[in-house]
């Protein structure tokens, strides 16, 4: 059974790039366009990993991580930011919220796959 990854980004083109990259490597990808939608998806089905943007409408990535970490099923699930942000303060906040890693956009496909393989084992 393939590992399932939840991709969260308000940009449809970014979600498509992530999906093409991950699906091409054999992962199943579920998509959400904001943190609130992602939280609904996460509560309805199990995923092995979450890749989320930081800046999104309705619910941002930091809030999403905080909410996911409250759910018992998501205590140990890897959550990686994929964002244009690169400030140390944002990275510190992400780590405190429970983020596993950080990738800065624009991303290289090999970079995303390397991080996914590393955190999923």
N, C-alpha and C. Protein backbone atom coordinates (compact mmCIF):
# COMPACT_ATOMS: atom_id res chain seq x y z
N UNK A 1 0.84 -1.19 0.00
CA UNK A 1 0.00 0.00 0.00
C UNK A 1 0.88 1.25 0.00
N UNK A 2 0.55 2.19 -0.86
CA UNK A 2 1.34 3.41 -0.96
C UNK A 2 1.13 4.33 0.24
N UNK A 3 2.16 5.08 0.56
CA UNK A 3 2.06 6.09 1.61
C UNK A 3 1.20 7.23 1.07
N UNK A 4 0.37 7.77 1.93
CA UNK A 4 -0.53 8.86 1.53
C UNK A 4 -0.04 10.18 2.13
N UNK A 5 0.05 11.20 1.28
CA UNK A 5 0.55 12.51 1.70
C UNK A 5 -0.53 13.56 1.44
N UNK A 6 -0.77 14.40 2.44
CA UNK A 6 -1.71 15.50 2.32
C UNK A 6 -0.94 16.75 1.91
N UNK A 7 -1.29 17.31 0.74
CA UNK A 7 -0.65 18.52 0.23
C UNK A 7 -1.61 19.68 0.43
N UNK A 8 -1.14 20.73 1.14
CA UNK A 8 -1.99 21.86 1.48
C UNK A 8 -1.37 23.14 0.95
N UNK A 9 -2.07 23.79 0.02
CA UNK A 9 -1.57 25.05 -0.55
C UNK A 9 -2.74 25.76 -1.22
N UNK A 10 -2.81 27.07 -1.06
CA UNK A 10 -3.90 27.81 -1.69
C UNK A 10 -3.67 28.00 -3.19
N UNK A 11 -2.48 27.69 -3.66
CA UNK A 11 -2.17 27.79 -5.09
C UNK A 11 -2.41 26.44 -5.76
N UNK A 12 -3.36 26.41 -6.69
CA UNK A 12 -3.67 25.16 -7.41
C UNK A 12 -2.46 24.69 -8.20
N UNK A 13 -1.70 25.60 -8.78
CA UNK A 13 -0.54 25.20 -9.57
C UNK A 13 0.55 24.60 -8.67
N UNK A 14 0.71 25.12 -7.46
CA UNK A 14 1.69 24.55 -6.54
C UNK A 14 1.25 23.16 -6.09
N UNK A 15 -0.05 23.00 -5.79
CA UNK A 15 -0.55 21.67 -5.41
C UNK A 15 -0.33 20.68 -6.54
N UNK A 16 -0.53 21.14 -7.77
CA UNK A 16 -0.34 20.26 -8.92
C UNK A 16 1.13 19.85 -9.06
N UNK A 17 2.05 20.79 -8.86
CA UNK A 17 3.49 20.46 -8.94
C UNK A 17 3.88 19.46 -7.86
N UNK A 18 3.38 19.66 -6.65
CA UNK A 18 3.67 18.74 -5.55
C UNK A 18 3.08 17.37 -5.86
N UNK A 19 1.84 17.35 -6.35
CA UNK A 19 1.18 16.08 -6.64
C UNK A 19 1.92 15.32 -7.74
N UNK A 20 2.29 16.01 -8.81
CA UNK A 20 3.02 15.36 -9.91
C UNK A 20 4.34 14.78 -9.42
N UNK A 21 5.04 15.53 -8.59
CA UNK A 21 6.32 15.07 -8.05
C UNK A 21 6.15 13.83 -7.18
N UNK A 22 5.20 13.90 -6.25
CA UNK A 22 5.02 12.81 -5.30
C UNK A 22 4.35 11.59 -5.93
N UNK A 23 3.34 11.82 -6.75
CA UNK A 23 2.66 10.70 -7.41
C UNK A 23 3.62 9.98 -8.36
N UNK A 24 4.49 10.74 -9.00
CA UNK A 24 5.49 10.15 -9.89
C UNK A 24 6.47 9.25 -9.16
N UNK A 25 6.60 9.47 -7.86
CA UNK A 25 7.50 8.64 -7.04
C UNK A 25 6.73 7.53 -6.31
N UNK A 26 5.44 7.39 -6.62
CA UNK A 26 4.67 6.29 -6.05
C UNK A 26 3.85 6.61 -4.82
N UNK A 27 3.75 7.88 -4.45
CA UNK A 27 2.96 8.27 -3.29
C UNK A 27 1.54 8.63 -3.73
N UNK A 28 0.56 8.38 -2.86
CA UNK A 28 -0.80 8.85 -3.08
C UNK A 28 -0.90 10.24 -2.48
N UNK A 29 -1.53 11.16 -3.20
CA UNK A 29 -1.62 12.54 -2.73
C UNK A 29 -3.08 12.97 -2.59
N UNK A 30 -3.39 13.52 -1.43
CA UNK A 30 -4.69 14.12 -1.16
C UNK A 30 -4.43 15.61 -1.06
N UNK A 31 -5.34 16.43 -1.61
CA UNK A 31 -5.10 17.87 -1.64
C UNK A 31 -6.12 18.66 -0.83
N UNK A 32 -5.67 19.80 -0.31
CA UNK A 32 -6.53 20.77 0.36
C UNK A 32 -6.03 22.16 0.01
N UNK A 33 -6.95 23.12 -0.09
CA UNK A 33 -6.57 24.47 -0.53
C UNK A 33 -6.33 25.45 0.62
N UNK A 34 -6.58 25.01 1.87
CA UNK A 34 -6.26 25.85 3.03
C UNK A 34 -6.23 24.97 4.27
N UNK A 35 -5.82 25.54 5.38
CA UNK A 35 -5.67 24.76 6.59
C UNK A 35 -6.96 24.18 7.12
N UNK A 36 -8.05 24.92 7.00
CA UNK A 36 -9.34 24.45 7.48
C UNK A 36 -9.80 23.22 6.69
N UNK A 37 -9.66 23.29 5.39
CA UNK A 37 -10.00 22.16 4.52
C UNK A 37 -9.11 20.96 4.84
N UNK A 38 -7.83 21.23 5.06
CA UNK A 38 -6.88 20.16 5.38
C UNK A 38 -7.23 19.48 6.70
N UNK A 39 -7.66 20.26 7.67
CA UNK A 39 -8.04 19.71 8.97
C UNK A 39 -9.24 18.77 8.81
N UNK A 40 -10.19 19.16 7.98
CA UNK A 40 -11.36 18.31 7.70
C UNK A 40 -10.92 17.00 7.05
N UNK A 41 -10.02 17.11 6.06
CA UNK A 41 -9.50 15.91 5.39
C UNK A 41 -8.78 15.02 6.39
N UNK A 42 -7.93 15.63 7.21
CA UNK A 42 -7.12 14.88 8.18
C UNK A 42 -7.99 14.14 9.20
N UNK A 43 -9.09 14.74 9.59
CA UNK A 43 -9.98 14.11 10.55
C UNK A 43 -10.76 12.96 9.91
N UNK A 44 -10.91 13.00 8.58
CA UNK A 44 -11.70 12.01 7.89
C UNK A 44 -10.93 10.82 7.37
N UNK A 45 -9.62 10.96 7.25
CA UNK A 45 -8.82 9.84 6.74
C UNK A 45 -7.39 9.96 7.24
N UNK A 46 -6.74 8.82 7.36
CA UNK A 46 -5.37 8.80 7.84
C UNK A 46 -4.41 9.11 6.70
N UNK A 47 -3.43 9.94 6.98
CA UNK A 47 -2.35 10.20 6.03
C UNK A 47 -1.03 9.92 6.74
N UNK A 48 0.01 9.69 5.96
CA UNK A 48 1.32 9.37 6.51
C UNK A 48 2.20 10.60 6.68
N UNK A 49 1.82 11.70 6.00
CA UNK A 49 2.64 12.91 6.03
C UNK A 49 1.80 14.09 5.55
N UNK A 50 2.16 15.30 6.02
CA UNK A 50 1.50 16.52 5.57
C UNK A 50 2.58 17.47 5.03
N UNK A 51 2.33 18.01 3.84
CA UNK A 51 3.20 19.05 3.26
C UNK A 51 2.31 20.28 3.12
N UNK A 52 2.64 21.35 3.86
CA UNK A 52 1.75 22.51 3.88
C UNK A 52 2.47 23.83 3.62
N UNK A 53 1.73 24.72 2.99
CA UNK A 53 2.17 26.09 2.81
C UNK A 53 1.99 26.82 4.15
N UNK A 54 2.62 27.95 4.30
CA UNK A 54 2.47 28.74 5.52
C UNK A 54 1.35 29.77 5.37
N UNK A 55 1.43 30.60 4.33
CA UNK A 55 0.49 31.70 4.13
C UNK A 55 -0.69 31.25 3.27
N UNK A 56 -1.85 31.07 3.91
CA UNK A 56 -3.06 30.68 3.21
C UNK A 56 -4.26 31.38 3.84
N UNK A 57 -5.33 31.57 3.07
CA UNK A 57 -6.55 32.14 3.65
C UNK A 57 -7.25 31.12 4.54
N UNK A 58 -8.21 31.56 5.30
CA UNK A 58 -9.06 30.77 6.19
C UNK A 58 -8.28 30.26 7.40
N UNK A 59 -7.26 29.41 7.18
CA UNK A 59 -6.39 28.94 8.26
C UNK A 59 -4.99 28.78 7.70
N UNK A 60 -4.01 29.45 8.32
CA UNK A 60 -2.63 29.36 7.83
C UNK A 60 -1.97 28.06 8.27
N UNK A 61 -0.77 27.83 7.76
CA UNK A 61 -0.06 26.59 8.03
C UNK A 61 0.32 26.40 9.49
N UNK A 62 0.70 27.46 10.18
CA UNK A 62 1.05 27.35 11.61
C UNK A 62 -0.16 26.91 12.42
N UNK A 63 -1.31 27.52 12.15
CA UNK A 63 -2.53 27.14 12.86
C UNK A 63 -2.91 25.71 12.55
N UNK A 64 -2.74 25.32 11.29
CA UNK A 64 -3.03 23.94 10.90
C UNK A 64 -2.18 22.96 11.70
N UNK A 65 -0.89 23.23 11.78
CA UNK A 65 0.00 22.33 12.51
C UNK A 65 -0.41 22.23 13.98
N UNK A 66 -0.71 23.36 14.57
CA UNK A 66 -1.13 23.35 15.99
C UNK A 66 -2.39 22.50 16.18
N UNK A 67 -3.34 22.63 15.25
CA UNK A 67 -4.59 21.85 15.33
C UNK A 67 -4.34 20.37 15.08
N UNK A 68 -3.50 20.05 14.11
CA UNK A 68 -3.19 18.65 13.83
C UNK A 68 -2.50 17.98 15.00
N UNK A 69 -1.59 18.69 15.64
CA UNK A 69 -0.85 18.11 16.76
C UNK A 69 -1.74 17.84 17.98
N UNK A 70 -2.93 18.44 18.01
CA UNK A 70 -3.88 18.17 19.08
C UNK A 70 -4.58 16.82 18.88
N UNK A 71 -4.57 16.32 17.64
CA UNK A 71 -5.24 15.06 17.31
C UNK A 71 -4.30 13.89 17.61
N UNK A 72 -4.76 12.90 18.37
CA UNK A 72 -3.89 11.77 18.72
C UNK A 72 -3.25 11.09 17.50
N UNK A 73 -3.99 10.97 16.41
CA UNK A 73 -3.47 10.29 15.22
C UNK A 73 -2.34 11.08 14.55
N UNK A 74 -2.22 12.36 14.86
CA UNK A 74 -1.22 13.21 14.19
C UNK A 74 -0.06 13.63 15.10
N UNK A 75 0.05 13.02 16.26
CA UNK A 75 1.15 13.35 17.18
C UNK A 75 2.51 13.06 16.54
N UNK A 76 2.62 11.93 15.83
CA UNK A 76 3.91 11.55 15.27
C UNK A 76 4.00 11.62 13.76
N UNK A 77 2.99 12.18 13.12
CA UNK A 77 2.99 12.29 11.66
C UNK A 77 3.91 13.43 11.23
N UNK A 78 4.81 13.17 10.27
CA UNK A 78 5.69 14.26 9.79
C UNK A 78 4.89 15.37 9.11
N UNK A 79 5.20 16.60 9.45
CA UNK A 79 4.58 17.77 8.82
C UNK A 79 5.70 18.69 8.35
N UNK A 80 5.74 18.93 7.05
CA UNK A 80 6.80 19.74 6.46
C UNK A 80 6.20 20.98 5.81
N UNK A 81 6.79 22.13 6.09
CA UNK A 81 6.39 23.37 5.43
C UNK A 81 7.03 23.44 4.05
N UNK A 82 6.25 23.89 3.08
CA UNK A 82 6.74 24.18 1.74
C UNK A 82 6.27 25.60 1.45
N UNK A 83 7.16 26.57 1.62
CA UNK A 83 6.73 27.97 1.63
C UNK A 83 7.80 28.90 1.06
N UNK A 84 7.38 30.10 0.70
CA UNK A 84 8.33 31.11 0.22
C UNK A 84 9.05 31.78 1.40
N UNK A 85 8.51 31.62 2.60
CA UNK A 85 9.10 32.24 3.79
C UNK A 85 10.42 31.56 4.14
N UNK A 86 11.38 32.34 4.63
CA UNK A 86 12.65 31.74 5.03
C UNK A 86 13.26 32.40 6.26
N UNK A 87 12.50 33.27 6.92
CA UNK A 87 13.02 33.96 8.10
C UNK A 87 13.18 32.99 9.27
N UNK A 88 14.24 33.19 10.03
CA UNK A 88 14.52 32.32 11.18
C UNK A 88 13.38 32.33 12.20
N UNK A 89 12.75 33.50 12.39
CA UNK A 89 11.66 33.59 13.36
C UNK A 89 10.49 32.71 12.94
N UNK A 90 10.17 32.69 11.65
CA UNK A 90 9.08 31.84 11.15
C UNK A 90 9.44 30.37 11.33
N UNK A 91 10.69 30.04 11.07
CA UNK A 91 11.13 28.65 11.24
C UNK A 91 11.05 28.22 12.70
N UNK A 92 11.41 29.14 13.61
CA UNK A 92 11.33 28.85 15.03
C UNK A 92 9.87 28.61 15.44
N UNK A 93 8.98 29.48 14.96
CA UNK A 93 7.55 29.32 15.27
C UNK A 93 7.03 27.98 14.73
N UNK A 94 7.47 27.62 13.55
CA UNK A 94 7.04 26.36 12.94
C UNK A 94 7.50 25.17 13.76
N UNK A 95 8.74 25.23 14.20
CA UNK A 95 9.29 24.13 15.01
C UNK A 95 8.53 24.02 16.33
N UNK A 96 8.26 25.17 16.95
CA UNK A 96 7.52 25.18 18.21
C UNK A 96 6.10 24.63 18.03
N UNK A 97 5.51 24.87 16.86
CA UNK A 97 4.16 24.39 16.58
C UNK A 97 4.14 22.89 16.32
N UNK A 98 5.31 22.34 15.96
CA UNK A 98 5.39 20.90 15.72
C UNK A 98 5.79 20.50 14.32
N UNK A 99 6.30 21.45 13.54
CA UNK A 99 6.75 21.12 12.18
C UNK A 99 7.98 20.22 12.23
N UNK A 100 8.04 19.29 11.30
CA UNK A 100 9.16 18.36 11.21
C UNK A 100 10.29 18.93 10.36
N UNK A 101 9.93 19.71 9.33
CA UNK A 101 10.94 20.25 8.42
C UNK A 101 10.42 21.45 7.66
N UNK A 102 11.30 21.99 6.79
CA UNK A 102 11.03 23.24 6.08
C UNK A 102 11.69 23.20 4.72
N UNK A 103 10.93 23.44 3.67
CA UNK A 103 11.46 23.55 2.32
C UNK A 103 11.03 24.90 1.77
N UNK A 104 11.97 25.63 1.19
CA UNK A 104 11.66 26.95 0.64
C UNK A 104 11.30 26.84 -0.84
N UNK A 105 10.22 27.53 -1.22
CA UNK A 105 9.81 27.62 -2.63
C UNK A 105 10.68 28.65 -3.31
N UNK A 106 10.94 28.53 -4.59
CA UNK A 106 10.58 27.38 -5.42
C UNK A 106 11.43 26.17 -5.04
N UNK A 107 10.84 24.99 -5.14
CA UNK A 107 11.54 23.78 -4.72
C UNK A 107 11.99 22.97 -5.93
N UNK A 108 13.02 22.19 -5.70
CA UNK A 108 13.48 21.23 -6.71
C UNK A 108 12.79 19.91 -6.41
N UNK A 109 12.35 19.21 -7.44
CA UNK A 109 11.66 17.94 -7.24
C UNK A 109 12.51 16.97 -6.42
N UNK A 110 13.79 16.89 -6.73
CA UNK A 110 14.66 15.95 -6.00
C UNK A 110 14.76 16.34 -4.52
N UNK A 111 14.73 17.63 -4.25
CA UNK A 111 14.80 18.11 -2.86
C UNK A 111 13.54 17.68 -2.10
N UNK A 112 12.36 17.88 -2.69
CA UNK A 112 11.12 17.48 -2.04
C UNK A 112 11.10 15.97 -1.80
N UNK A 113 11.47 15.21 -2.81
CA UNK A 113 11.47 13.75 -2.67
C UNK A 113 12.47 13.28 -1.62
N UNK A 114 13.61 13.93 -1.55
CA UNK A 114 14.62 13.56 -0.54
C UNK A 114 14.07 13.77 0.87
N UNK A 115 13.40 14.89 1.08
CA UNK A 115 12.83 15.18 2.40
C UNK A 115 11.72 14.19 2.73
N UNK A 116 10.85 13.92 1.75
CA UNK A 116 9.75 12.98 1.98
C UNK A 116 10.30 11.59 2.33
N UNK A 117 11.27 11.13 1.57
CA UNK A 117 11.84 9.80 1.83
C UNK A 117 12.53 9.77 3.20
N UNK A 118 13.19 10.86 3.55
CA UNK A 118 13.89 10.90 4.84
C UNK A 118 12.91 10.81 6.00
N UNK A 119 11.83 11.58 5.96
CA UNK A 119 10.91 11.60 7.10
C UNK A 119 9.95 10.40 7.13
N UNK A 120 9.70 9.82 5.96
CA UNK A 120 8.82 8.64 5.92
C UNK A 120 9.57 7.33 6.08
N UNK A 121 10.89 7.39 5.92
CA UNK A 121 11.71 6.20 6.08
C UNK A 121 11.70 5.28 4.87
